[in-house]
Amino acid sequence: MARDLPEVRLIVLLRDPTERAYSHYKERLRHGGEWLSFEEALDAEPDRLSGEAERIARDPGYRSVAHEGHSYLAQGRYLDMLPRWFDLFGRDRFYVTASEDFYADPNRVVNEVWTFLGLQPAMLRSVERYNYHQAPDLAPAIRRRLAAEFAEHNDELEQFLGRKLPWPAVGTSPEFRARQDGSQR
């Protein structure tokens, strides 16, 4: 793609990795692709994905059903992907925002995207939600587990992007605070 479309502009919506992981799980459960509880699926992810990322990188034609279906945590580690994309295309070819910013103010974000694409701003005709399914909220203990899992990554992602993200626990990991305290002395 980088070779064939060097001037392409790319739009990236990053969702709170905790919410993304749970949404991914609910979608898999709804479609019969998951049979474990969410907590069991999180625990099983390393074994389920063992060697898959390497095989995907090695064989461009390989389609990993395991990675597509059971990468609840892996797909929320955006720094495993974004730097490679930025290296291939250049950071200026990307519009990156948080999905939560879009949910909060879709007209503003869409107009920023249109401006990025060189198009005239305009109001959306509708902000109707699609692909939304009611489901129980994430258990507080699992939410805390995921917040801890992603805290350092999210801190580093903010630094990489040079912007604050509207997600809980960003900037609060103990590792991040220790690095900040050490760098300010």
Foldseek 3Di string as FASTA:
>chain_A
DCVVCLLAAEEAAAEQLLVQLVVLVVVCVVVVNDDDDSVVLVVCLCVLCPPVVVVCVVDVVDDDPSCSRRPSNVVNLCVVPVVVVCVSRNPLSYDYAYVVVCVVPVLVVVQVVCVSVVHHRDGDPDPDDPPDDDDDDDPPVVSVVVLQVCAVSLQVVCVVVVHDHPDPNHCPHPVNVVVVVVVVD
